[in-house]
């Protein structure tokens, strides 16, 4: 379930409730199918709540649950780690995949 779009979607919902079309616009490059699949998977995991309003036309909003909100510090920590260690490592002439592939012994050398 976890991937680039999933993390971006959680970060986007951290700002508050959003409708499908708003999420699609803010996550430039995501296909409607991918967005729909990610939202459904997050809903099944209890990370996102879907609320349907009885209006014409029908309105659906998505929001993070308490479980989803608890992920935000973890995602922020991953971002900080990436900015410090991965981007920094790439600046030394290495690619991010090379930084991840390094063994602890090689990193210490």
PDB file of N, CA and C in Angstrom:
ATOM      1  N   UNK A   1       0.822  -1.196   0.000  1.00  0.00           N
ATOM      2  CA  UNK A   1       0.000   0.000   0.000  1.00  0.00           C
ATOM      3  C   UNK A   1       0.862   1.254   0.000  1.00  0.00           C
ATOM      4  N   UNK A   2       1.989   1.199   0.670  1.00  0.00           N
ATOM      5  CA  UNK A   2       2.789   2.410   0.826  1.00  0.00           C
ATOM      6  C   UNK A   2       3.570   2.716  -0.443  1.00  0.00           C
ATOM      7  N   UNK A   3       3.568   3.939  -0.829  1.00  0.00           N
ATOM      8  CA  UNK A   3       4.288   4.385  -1.998  1.00  0.00           C
ATOM      9  C   UNK A   3       4.238   5.902  -2.052  1.00  0.00           C
ATOM     10  N   UNK A   4       4.828   6.413  -3.097  1.00  0.00           N
ATOM     11  CA  UNK A   4       4.901   7.866  -3.256  1.00  0.00           C
ATOM     12  C   UNK A   4       3.521   8.514  -3.178  1.00  0.00           C
ATOM     13  N   UNK A   5       2.564   8.001  -3.946  1.00  0.00           N
ATOM     14  CA  UNK A   5       1.244   8.631  -3.978  1.00  0.00           C
ATOM     15  C   UNK A   5       0.534   8.512  -2.641  1.00  0.00           C
ATOM     16  N   UNK A   6       0.723   7.382  -1.963  1.00  0.00           N
ATOM     17  CA  UNK A   6       0.073   7.188  -0.672  1.00  0.00           C
ATOM     18  C   UNK A   6       0.577   8.212   0.336  1.00  0.00           C
ATOM     19  N   UNK A   7       1.887   8.395   0.395  1.00  0.00           N
ATOM     20  CA  UNK A   7       2.458   9.370   1.323  1.00  0.00           C
ATOM     21  C   UNK A   7       2.014  10.792   0.982  1.00  0.00           C
ATOM     22  N   UNK A   8       2.018  11.128  -0.295  1.00  0.00           N
ATOM     23  CA  UNK A   8       1.577  12.462  -0.706  1.00  0.00           C
ATOM     24  C   UNK A   8       0.097  12.679  -0.399  1.00  0.00           C
ATOM     25  N   UNK A   9      -0.688  11.650  -0.567  1.00  0.00           N
ATOM     26  CA  UNK A   9      -2.113  11.739  -0.281  1.00  0.00           C
ATOM     27  C   UNK A   9      -2.354  11.970   1.215  1.00  0.00           C
ATOM     28  N   UNK A  10      -1.629  11.257   2.054  1.00  0.00           N
ATOM     29  CA  UNK A  10      -1.763  11.455   3.503  1.00  0.00           C
ATOM     30  C   UNK A  10      -1.343  12.868   3.882  1.00  0.00           C
ATOM     31  N   UNK A  11      -0.230  13.349   3.320  1.00  0.00           N
ATOM     32  CA  UNK A  11       0.218  14.714   3.610  1.00  0.00           C
ATOM     33  C   UNK A  11      -0.826  15.734   3.155  1.00  0.00           C
ATOM     34  N   UNK A  12      -1.444  15.488   2.014  1.00  0.00           N
ATOM     35  CA  UNK A  12      -2.467  16.412   1.500  1.00  0.00           C
ATOM     36  C   UNK A  12      -3.688  16.430   2.422  1.00  0.00           C
ATOM     37  N   UNK A  13      -4.094  15.281   2.903  1.00  0.00           N
ATOM     38  CA  UNK A  13      -5.248  15.209   3.794  1.00  0.00           C
ATOM     39  C   UNK A  13      -4.924  15.744   5.189  1.00  0.00           C
ATOM     40  N   UNK A  14      -3.661  15.890   5.498  1.00  0.00           N
ATOM     41  CA  UNK A  14      -3.275  16.484   6.786  1.00  0.00           C
ATOM     42  C   UNK A  14      -3.739  17.936   6.862  1.00  0.00           C
ATOM     43  N   UNK A  15      -3.942  18.556   5.711  1.00  0.00           N
ATOM     44  CA  UNK A  15      -4.410  19.945   5.658  1.00  0.00           C
ATOM     45  C   UNK A  15      -5.896  20.064   5.966  1.00  0.00           C
ATOM     46  N   UNK A  16      -6.611  18.935   5.936  1.00  0.00           N
ATOM     47  CA  UNK A  16      -8.045  18.952   6.221  1.00  0.00           C
ATOM     48  C   UNK A  16      -8.819  18.156   5.192  1.00  0.00           C
ATOM     49  N   UNK A  17     -10.131  18.185   5.329  1.00  0.00           N
ATOM     50  CA  UNK A  17     -11.017  17.440   4.422  1.00  0.00           C
ATOM     51  C   UNK A  17     -10.843  17.898   2.977  1.00  0.00           C
ATOM     52  N   UNK A  18     -10.951  16.929   2.061  1.00  0.00           N
ATOM     53  CA  UNK A  18     -10.855  17.255   0.640  1.00  0.00           C
ATOM     54  C   UNK A  18     -11.798  16.379  -0.157  1.00  0.00           C
ATOM     55  N   UNK A  19     -12.254  16.925  -1.255  1.00  0.00           N
ATOM     56  CA  UNK A  19     -13.047  16.164  -2.211  1.00  0.00           C
ATOM     57  C   UNK A  19     -12.116  15.512  -3.216  1.00  0.00           C
ATOM     58  N   UNK A  20     -12.629  14.507  -3.922  1.00  0.00           N
ATOM     59  CA  UNK A  20     -11.831  13.751  -4.882  1.00  0.00           C
ATOM     60  C   UNK A  20     -11.176  14.670  -5.908  1.00  0.00           C
ATOM     61  N   UNK A  21     -11.967  15.567  -6.486  1.00  0.00           N
ATOM     62  CA  UNK A  21     -11.439  16.455  -7.534  1.00  0.00           C
ATOM     63  C   UNK A  21     -10.359  17.391  -6.984  1.00  0.00           C
ATOM     64  N   UNK A  22     -10.488  17.807  -5.730  1.00  0.00           N
ATOM     65  CA  UNK A  22      -9.473  18.665  -5.118  1.00  0.00           C
ATOM     66  C   UNK A  22      -8.166  17.897  -4.930  1.00  0.00           C
ATOM     67  N   UNK A  23      -8.294  16.645  -4.496  1.00  0.00           N
ATOM     68  CA  UNK A  23      -7.099  15.811  -4.332  1.00  0.00           C
ATOM     69  C   UNK A  23      -6.431  15.552  -5.677  1.00  0.00           C
ATOM     70  N   UNK A  24      -7.232  15.289  -6.677  1.00  0.00           N
ATOM     71  CA  UNK A  24      -6.701  15.032  -8.019  1.00  0.00           C
ATOM     72  C   UNK A  24      -5.928  16.249  -8.546  1.00  0.00           C
ATOM     73  N   UNK A  25      -6.449  17.438  -8.304  1.00  0.00           N
ATOM     74  CA  UNK A  25      -5.766  18.667  -8.743  1.00  0.00           C
ATOM     75  C   UNK A  25      -4.473  18.898  -7.971  1.00  0.00           C
ATOM     76  N   UNK A  26      -4.505  18.673  -6.670  1.00  0.00           N
ATOM     77  CA  UNK A  26      -3.333  18.972  -5.849  1.00  0.00           C
ATOM     78  C   UNK A  26      -2.218  17.935  -6.021  1.00  0.00           C
ATOM     79  N   UNK A  27      -2.579  16.721  -6.382  1.00  0.00           N
ATOM     80  CA  UNK A  27      -1.581  15.673  -6.604  1.00  0.00           C
ATOM     81  C   UNK A  27      -1.325  15.552  -8.105  1.00  0.00           C
ATOM     82  N   UNK A  28      -0.723  16.562  -8.651  1.00  0.00           N
ATOM     83  CA  UNK A  28      -0.499  16.647 -10.093  1.00  0.00           C
ATOM     84  C   UNK A  28       0.214  15.404 -10.611  1.00  0.00           C
ATOM     85  N   UNK A  29      -0.381  14.797 -11.630  1.00  0.00           N
ATOM     86  CA  UNK A  29       0.221  13.621 -12.242  1.00  0.00           C
ATOM     87  C   UNK A  29      -0.415  12.311 -11.825  1.00  0.00           C
ATOM     88  N   UNK A  30      -1.231  12.310 -10.774  1.00  0.00           N
ATOM     89  CA  UNK A  30      -1.891  11.078 -10.343  1.00  0.00           C
ATOM     90  C   UNK A  30      -3.099  10.826 -11.239  1.00  0.00           C
ATOM     91  N   UNK A  31      -3.294   9.581 -11.625  1.00  0.00           N
ATOM     92  CA  UNK A  31      -4.460   9.257 -12.455  1.00  0.00           C
ATOM     93  C   UNK A  31      -5.673   9.066 -11.542  1.00  0.00           C
ATOM     94  N   UNK A  32      -6.875   9.288 -12.064  1.00  0.00           N
ATOM     95  CA  UNK A  32      -8.079   9.082 -11.252  1.00  0.00           C
ATOM     96  C   UNK A  32      -8.160   7.651 -10.705  1.00  0.00           C
ATOM     97  N   UNK A  33      -7.742   6.690 -11.499  1.00  0.00           N
ATOM     98  CA  UNK A  33      -7.772   5.287 -11.050  1.00  0.00           C
ATOM     99  C   UNK A  33      -6.824   5.066  -9.879  1.00  0.00           C
ATOM    100  N   UNK A  34      -5.612   5.579  -9.990  1.00  0.00           N
ATOM    101  CA  UNK A  34      -4.639   5.419  -8.901  1.00  0.00           C
ATOM    102  C   UNK A  34      -5.139   6.103  -7.642  1.00  0.00           C
ATOM    103  N   UNK A  35      -5.672   7.314  -7.775  1.00  0.00           N
ATOM    104  CA  UNK A  35      -6.192   8.038  -6.625  1.00  0.00           C
ATOM    105  C   UNK A  35      -7.326   7.255  -5.972  1.00  0.00           C
ATOM    106  N   UNK A  36      -8.228   6.740  -6.772  1.00  0.00           N
ATOM    107  CA  UNK A  36      -9.350   5.967  -6.257  1.00  0.00           C
ATOM    108  C   UNK A  36      -8.872   4.714  -5.525  1.00  0.00           C
ATOM    109  N   UNK A  37      -7.910   4.002  -6.107  1.00  0.00           N
ATOM    110  CA  UNK A  37      -7.376   2.796  -5.469  1.00  0.00           C
ATOM    111  C   UNK A  37      -6.672   3.122  -4.158  1.00  0.00           C
ATOM    112  N   UNK A  38      -5.894   4.204  -4.133  1.00  0.00           N
ATOM    113  CA  UNK A  38      -5.180   4.591  -2.907  1.00  0.00           C
ATOM    114  C   UNK A  38      -6.157   4.997  -1.803  1.00  0.00           C
ATOM    115  N   UNK A  39      -7.169   5.781  -2.174  1.00  0.00           N
ATOM    116  CA  UNK A  39      -8.167   6.189  -1.187  1.00  0.00           C
ATOM    117  C   UNK A  39      -8.906   4.981  -0.621  1.00  0.00           C
ATOM    118  N   UNK A  40      -9.268   4.044  -1.488  1.00  0.00           N
ATOM    119  CA  UNK A  40      -9.981   2.853  -1.042  1.00  0.00           C
ATOM    120  C   UNK A  40      -9.112   2.016  -0.101  1.00  0.00           C
ATOM    121  N   UNK A  41      -7.833   1.850  -0.450  1.00  0.00           N
ATOM    122  CA  UNK A  41      -6.916   1.074   0.395  1.00  0.00           C
ATOM    123  C   UNK A  41      -6.721   1.754   1.748  1.00  0.00           C
ATOM    124  N   UNK A  42      -6.567   3.066   1.746  1.00  0.00           N
ATOM    125  CA  UNK A  42      -6.396   3.805   3.000  1.00  0.00           C
ATOM    126  C   UNK A  42      -7.656   3.753   3.852  1.00  0.00           C
ATOM    127  N   UNK A  43      -8.807   3.747   3.197  1.00  0.00           N
ATOM    128  CA  UNK A  43     -10.070   3.634   3.921  1.00  0.00           C
ATOM    129  C   UNK A  43     -10.187   2.246   4.561  1.00  0.00           C
ATOM    130  N   UNK A  44      -9.813   1.204   3.821  1.00  0.00           N
ATOM    131  CA  UNK A  44      -9.859  -0.163   4.356  1.00  0.00           C
ATOM    132  C   UNK A  44      -8.924  -0.339   5.551  1.00  0.00           C
ATOM    133  N   UNK A  45      -7.809   0.390   5.555  1.00  0.00           N
ATOM    134  CA  UNK A  45      -6.846   0.311   6.654  1.00  0.00           C
ATOM    135  C   UNK A  45      -7.233   1.189   7.845  1.00  0.00           C
ATOM    136  N   UNK A  46      -8.292   1.984   7.682  1.00  0.00           N
ATOM    137  CA  UNK A  46      -8.735   2.851   8.767  1.00  0.00           C
ATOM    138  C   UNK A  46      -7.920   4.129   8.889  1.00  0.00           C
ATOM    139  N   UNK A  47      -7.212   4.501   7.828  1.00  0.00           N
ATOM    140  CA  UNK A  47      -6.369   5.695   7.829  1.00  0.00           C
ATOM    141  C   UNK A  47      -7.134   6.901   7.299  1.00  0.00           C
ATOM    142  N   UNK A  48      -8.052   6.651   6.386  1.00  0.00           N
ATOM    143  CA  UNK A  48      -8.870   7.709   5.777  1.00  0.00           C
ATOM    144  C   UNK A  48     -10.340   7.374   6.003  1.00  0.00           C
ATOM    145  N   UNK A  49     -11.122   8.399   6.291  1.00  0.00           N
ATOM    146  CA  UNK A  49     -12.574   8.256   6.422  1.00  0.00           C
ATOM    147  C   UNK A  49     -13.237   8.917   5.221  1.00  0.00           C
ATOM    148  N   UNK A  50     -14.231   8.262   4.685  1.00  0.00           N
ATOM    149  CA  UNK A  50     -14.991   8.772   3.534  1.00  0.00           C
ATOM    150  C   UNK A  50     -16.373   9.156   4.032  1.00  0.00           C
ATOM    151  N   UNK A  51     -16.772  10.397   3.747  1.00  0.00           N
ATOM    152  CA  UNK A  51     -18.099  10.859   4.161  1.00  0.00           C
ATOM    153  C   UNK A  51     -18.876  11.270   2.918  1.00  0.00           C
ATOM    154  N   UNK A  52     -20.059  10.685   2.771  1.00  0.00           N
ATOM    155  CA  UNK A  52     -20.927  10.976   1.631  1.00  0.00           C
ATOM    156  C   UNK A  52     -22.081  11.847   2.103  1.00  0.00           C
ATOM    157  N   UNK A  53     -22.346  12.912   1.345  1.00  0.00           N
ATOM    158  CA  UNK A  53     -23.435  13.833   1.663  1.00  0.00           C
ATOM    159  C   UNK A  53     -24.576  13.610   0.682  1.00  0.00           C
ATOM    160  N   UNK A  54     -25.803  13.590   1.201  1.00  0.00           N
ATOM    161  CA  UNK A  54     -26.987  13.385   0.363  1.00  0.00           C
ATOM    162  C   UNK A  54     -27.379  14.703  -0.280  1.00  0.00           C
ATOM    163  N   UNK A  55     -26.700  15.025  -1.343  1.00  0.00           N
ATOM    164  CA  UNK A  55     -26.955  16.259  -2.090  1.00  0.00           C
ATOM    165  C   UNK A  55     -27.060  15.918  -3.564  1.00  0.00           C
ATOM    166  N   UNK A  56     -27.508  16.865  -4.336  1.00  0.00           N
ATOM    167  CA  UNK A  56     -27.526  16.708  -5.785  1.00  0.00           C
ATOM    168  C   UNK A  56     -26.670  17.822  -6.370  1.00  0.00           C
ATOM    169  N   UNK A  57     -25.557  17.511  -7.014  1.00  0.00           N
ATOM    170  CA  UNK A  57     -24.974  16.176  -7.161  1.00  0.00           C
ATOM    171  C   UNK A  57     -24.369  15.693  -5.837  1.00  0.00           C
ATOM    172  N   UNK A  58     -24.201  14.368  -5.696  1.00  0.00           N
ATOM    173  CA  UNK A  58     -23.651  13.827  -4.456  1.00  0.00           C
ATOM    174  C   UNK A  58     -22.250  14.385  -4.186  1.00  0.00           C
ATOM    175  N   UNK A  59     -21.976  14.598  -2.920  1.00  0.00           N
ATOM    176  CA  UNK A  59     -20.665  15.132  -2.527  1.00  0.00           C
ATOM    177  C   UNK A  59     -20.006  14.118  -1.598  1.00  0.00           C
ATOM    178  N   UNK A  60     -18.711  13.863  -1.844  1.00  0.00           N
ATOM    179  CA  UNK A  60     -17.940  12.946  -1.021  1.00  0.00           C
ATOM    180  C   UNK A  60     -16.694  13.673  -0.557  1.00  0.00           C
ATOM    181  N   UNK A  61     -16.399  13.572   0.733  1.00  0.00           N
ATOM    182  CA  UNK A  61     -15.193  14.179   1.286  1.00  0.00           C
ATOM    183  C   UNK A  61     -14.368  13.108   1.990  1.00  0.00           C
ATOM    184  N   UNK A  62     -13.070  13.316   1.941  1.00  0.00           N
ATOM    185  CA  UNK A  62     -12.134  12.404   2.586  1.00  0.00           C
ATOM    186  C   UNK A  62     -11.364  13.166   3.646  1.00  0.00           C
ATOM    187  N   UNK A  63     -11.075  12.476   4.753  1.00  0.00           N
ATOM    188  CA  UNK A  63     -10.310  13.088   5.839  1.00  0.00           C
ATOM    189  C   UNK A  63      -9.514  11.993   6.544  1.00  0.00           C
ATOM    190  N   UNK A  64      -8.436  12.405   7.184  1.00  0.00           N
ATOM    191  CA  UNK A  64      -7.653  11.460   7.972  1.00  0.00           C
ATOM    192  C   UNK A  64      -8.413  11.091   9.235  1.00  0.00           C
ATOM    193  N   UNK A  65      -8.299   9.838   9.625  1.00  0.00           N
ATOM    194  CA  UNK A  65      -8.832   9.390  10.904  1.00  0.00           C
ATOM    195  C   UNK A  65      -7.769   9.658  11.972  1.00  0.00           C
ATOM    196  N   UNK A  66      -8.068   9.294  13.197  1.00  0.00           N
ATOM    197  CA  UNK A  66      -7.077   9.428  14.264  1.00  0.00           C
ATOM    198  C   UNK A  66      -5.848   8.576  13.939  1.00  0.00           C
ATOM    199  N   UNK A  67      -6.082   7.386  13.404  1.00  0.00           N
ATOM    200  CA  UNK A  67      -4.979   6.500  13.004  1.00  0.00           C
ATOM    201  C   UNK A  67      -4.141   7.149  11.905  1.00  0.00           C
ATOM    202  N   UNK A  68      -4.786   7.804  10.958  1.00  0.00           N
ATOM    203  CA  UNK A  68      -4.076   8.481   9.881  1.00  0.00           C
ATOM    204  C   UNK A  68      -3.272   9.668  10.377  1.00  0.00           C
ATOM    205  N   UNK A  69      -3.851  10.431  11.292  1.00  0.00           N
ATOM    206  CA  UNK A  69      -3.161  11.585  11.863  1.00  0.00           C
ATOM    207  C   UNK A  69      -1.923  11.151  12.640  1.00  0.00           C
ATOM    208  N   UNK A  70      -1.979   9.971  13.250  1.00  0.00           N
ATOM    209  CA  UNK A  70      -0.829   9.451  13.998  1.00  0.00           C
ATOM    210  C   UNK A  70       0.358   9.148  13.086  1.00  0.00           C
ATOM    211  N   UNK A  71       0.127   9.011  11.791  1.00  0.00           N
ATOM    212  CA  UNK A  71       1.214   8.767  10.832  1.00  0.00           C
ATOM    213  C   UNK A  71       2.018  10.024  10.505  1.00  0.00           C
ATOM    214  N   UNK A  72       1.446  11.196  10.721  1.00  0.00           N
ATOM    215  CA  UNK A  72       2.084  12.443  10.292  1.00  0.00           C
ATOM    216  C   UNK A  72       3.477  12.654  10.883  1.00  0.00           C
ATOM    217  N   UNK A  73       3.709  12.430  12.181  1.00  0.00           N
ATOM    218  CA  UNK A  73       5.073  12.606  12.693  1.00  0.00           C
ATOM    219  C   UNK A  73       6.070  11.631  12.061  1.00  0.00           C
ATOM    220  N   UNK A  74       5.608  10.433  11.723  1.00  0.00           N
ATOM    221  CA  UNK A  74       6.481   9.448  11.082  1.00  0.00           C
ATOM    222  C   UNK A  74       6.862   9.916   9.681  1.00  0.00           C
ATOM    223  N   UNK A  75       5.886  10.404   8.943  1.00  0.00           N
ATOM    224  CA  UNK A  75       6.144  10.892   7.583  1.00  0.00           C
ATOM    225  C   UNK A  75       7.062  12.113   7.625  1.00  0.00           C
ATOM    226  N   UNK A  76       6.829  13.008   8.580  1.00  0.00           N
ATOM    227  CA  UNK A  76       7.710  14.170   8.730  1.00  0.00           C
ATOM    228  C   UNK A  76       9.131  13.730   9.051  1.00  0.00           C
ATOM    229  N   UNK A  77       9.265  12.721   9.911  1.00  0.00           N
ATOM    230  CA  UNK A  77      10.588  12.195  10.244  1.00  0.00           C
ATOM    231  C   UNK A  77      11.289  11.608   9.036  1.00  0.00           C
ATOM    232  N   UNK A  78      10.557  10.926   8.181  1.00  0.00           N
ATOM    233  CA  UNK A  78      11.136  10.375   6.955  1.00  0.00           C
ATOM    234  C   UNK A  78      11.596  11.509   6.029  1.00  0.00           C
ATOM    235  N   UNK A  79      10.796  12.574   5.965  1.00  0.00           N
ATOM    236  CA  UNK A  79      11.177  13.719   5.123  1.00  0.00           C
ATOM    237  C   UNK A  79      12.462  14.349   5.629  1.00  0.00           C
ATOM    238  N   UNK A  80      12.543  14.564   6.943  1.00  0.00           N
ATOM    239  CA  UNK A  80      13.746  15.162   7.542  1.00  0.00           C
ATOM    240  C   UNK A  80      14.959  14.268   7.297  1.00  0.00           C
ATOM    241  N   UNK A  81      14.778  12.974   7.492  1.00  0.00           N
ATOM    242  CA  UNK A  81      15.866  12.032   7.251  1.00  0.00           C
ATOM    243  C   UNK A  81      16.340  12.126   5.795  1.00  0.00           C
ATOM    244  N   UNK A  82      15.384  12.125   4.876  1.00  0.00           N
ATOM    245  CA  UNK A  82      15.734  12.200   3.456  1.00  0.00           C
ATOM    246  C   UNK A  82      16.466  13.482   3.111  1.00  0.00           C
ATOM    247  N   UNK A  83      16.007  14.600   3.671  1.00  0.00           N
ATOM    248  CA  UNK A  83      16.675  15.879   3.393  1.00  0.00           C
ATOM    249  C   UNK A  83      18.102  15.888   3.932  1.00  0.00           C
ATOM    250  N   UNK A  84      18.282  15.268   5.083  1.00  0.00           N
ATOM    251  CA  UNK A  84      19.614  15.295   5.693  1.00  0.00           C
ATOM    252  C   UNK A  84      20.559  14.269   5.092  1.00  0.00           C
ATOM    253  N   UNK A  85      20.085  13.055   4.917  1.00  0.00           N
ATOM    254  CA  UNK A  85      20.990  11.974   4.556  1.00  0.00           C
ATOM    255  C   UNK A  85      20.959  11.576   3.098  1.00  0.00           C
ATOM    256  N   UNK A  86      19.807  11.604   2.470  1.00  0.00           N
ATOM    257  CA  UNK A  86      19.737  11.145   1.085  1.00  0.00           C
ATOM    258  C   UNK A  86      20.112  12.258   0.127  1.00  0.00           C
ATOM    259  N   UNK A  87      19.514  13.430   0.287  1.00  0.00           N
ATOM    260  CA  UNK A  87      19.846  14.553  -0.593  1.00  0.00           C
ATOM    261  C   UNK A  87      21.302  14.944  -0.389  1.00  0.00           C
ATOM    262  N   UNK A  88      21.752  14.957   0.854  1.00  0.00           N
ATOM    263  CA  UNK A  88      23.148  15.280   1.161  1.00  0.00           C
ATOM    264  C   UNK A  88      24.062  14.252   0.495  1.00  0.00           C
ATOM    265  N   UNK A  89      23.714  12.972   0.595  1.00  0.00           N
ATOM    266  CA  UNK A  89      24.521  11.919  -0.016  1.00  0.00           C
ATOM    267  C   UNK A  89      24.561  12.037  -1.527  1.00  0.00           C
ATOM    268  N   UNK A  90      23.446  12.452  -2.129  1.00  0.00           N
ATOM    269  CA  UNK A  90      23.404  12.627  -3.581  1.00  0.00           C
ATOM    270  C   UNK A  90      24.295  13.785  -3.999  1.00  0.00           C
ATOM    271  N   UNK A  91      24.422  14.788  -3.155  1.00  0.00           N
ATOM    272  CA  UNK A  91      25.267  15.937  -3.461  1.00  0.00           C
ATOM    273  C   UNK A  91      26.741  15.584  -3.500  1.00  0.00           C
ATOM    274  N   UNK A  92      27.093  14.431  -2.943  1.00  0.00           N
ATOM    275  CA  UNK A  92      28.477  13.989  -2.941  1.00  0.00           C
ATOM    276  C   UNK A  92      28.778  13.093  -4.130  1.00  0.00           C
ATOM    277  N   UNK A  93      27.929  13.173  -5.154  1.00  0.00           N
ATOM    278  CA  UNK A  93      28.181  12.407  -6.360  1.00  0.00           C
ATOM    279  C   UNK A  93      27.575  11.014  -6.343  1.00  0.00           C
ATOM    280  N   UNK A  94      26.769  10.694  -5.360  1.00  0.00           N
ATOM    281  CA  UNK A  94      26.116   9.393  -5.298  1.00  0.00           C
ATOM    282  C   UNK A  94      24.633   9.562  -5.561  1.00  0.00           C
ATOM    283  N   UNK A  95      24.022   8.525  -6.102  1.00  0.00           N
ATOM    284  CA  UNK A  95      22.580   8.564  -6.306  1.00  0.00           C
ATOM    285  C   UNK A  95      21.895   8.123  -5.033  1.00  0.00           C
ATOM    286  N   UNK A  96      20.605   8.440  -4.902  1.00  0.00           N
ATOM    287  CA  UNK A  96      19.876   8.041  -3.695  1.00  0.00           C
ATOM    288  C   UNK A  96      19.839   6.529  -3.563  1.00  0.00           C
ATOM    289  N   UNK A  97      19.740   5.784  -4.688  1.00  0.00           N
ATOM    290  CA  UNK A  97      19.726   4.327  -4.590  1.00  0.00           C
ATOM    291  C   UNK A  97      21.064   3.808  -4.092  1.00  0.00           C
ATOM    292  N   UNK A  98      22.158   4.485  -4.454  1.00  0.00           N
ATOM    293  CA  UNK A  98      23.476   4.079  -3.960  1.00  0.00           C
ATOM    294  C   UNK A  98      23.585   4.327  -2.465  1.00  0.00           C
ATOM    295  N   UNK A  99      22.978   5.390  -1.976  1.00  0.00           N
ATOM    296  CA  UNK A  99      23.025   5.685  -0.540  1.00  0.00           C
ATOM    297  C   UNK A  99      22.273   4.596   0.212  1.00  0.00           C
ATOM    298  N   UNK A 100      21.092   4.169  -0.305  1.00  0.00           N
ATOM    299  CA  UNK A 100      20.331   3.127   0.367  1.00  0.00           C
ATOM    300  C   UNK A 100      21.042   1.775   0.295  1.00  0.00           C
ATOM    301  N   UNK A 101      21.752   1.524  -0.791  1.00  0.00           N
ATOM    302  CA  UNK A 101      22.378   0.222  -1.001  1.00  0.00           C
ATOM    303  C   UNK A 101      23.649   0.056  -0.183  1.00  0.00           C
ATOM    304  N   UNK A 102      24.173   1.126   0.344  1.00  0.00           N
ATOM    305  CA  UNK A 102      25.422   1.059   1.087  1.00  0.00           C
ATOM    306  C   UNK A 102      25.271   0.228   2.348  1.00  0.00           C
ATOM    307  N   UNK A 103      26.240  -0.620   2.613  1.00  0.00           N
ATOM    308  CA  UNK A 103      26.233  -1.380   3.859  1.00  0.00           C
ATOM    309  C   UNK A 103      26.780  -0.498   4.976  1.00  0.00           C
ATOM    310  N   UNK A 104      26.463  -0.807   6.242  1.00  0.00           N
ATOM    311  CA  UNK A 104      27.000  -0.010   7.331  1.00  0.00           C
ATOM    312  C   UNK A 104      28.530   0.035   7.332  1.00  0.00           C
ATOM    313  N   UNK A 105      29.176  -1.069   6.974  1.00  0.00           N
ATOM    314  CA  UNK A 105      30.646  -1.105   6.955  1.00  0.00           C
ATOM    315  C   UNK A 105      31.188  -0.165   5.877  1.00  0.00           C
ATOM    316  N   UNK A 106      30.516  -0.154   4.719  1.00  0.00           N
ATOM    317  CA  UNK A 106      30.964   0.722   3.636  1.00  0.00           C
ATOM    318  C   UNK A 106      30.753   2.183   3.991  1.00  0.00           C
ATOM    319  N   UNK A 107      29.664   2.468   4.694  1.00  0.00           N
ATOM    320  CA  UNK A 107      29.359   3.836   5.070  1.00  0.00           C
ATOM    321  C   UNK A 107      30.390   4.364   6.074  1.00  0.00           C
ATOM    322  N   UNK A 108      30.903   3.476   6.928  1.00  0.00           N
ATOM    323  CA  UNK A 108      31.869   3.886   7.938  1.00  0.00           C
ATOM    324  C   UNK A 108      33.255   4.121   7.352  1.00  0.00           C
ATOM    325  N   UNK A 109      33.535   3.527   6.202  1.00  0.00           N
ATOM    326  CA  UNK A 109      34.863   3.631   5.574  1.00  0.00           C
ATOM    327  C   UNK A 109      35.124   5.002   5.008  1.00  0.00           C
TER     328      UNK A 109
END
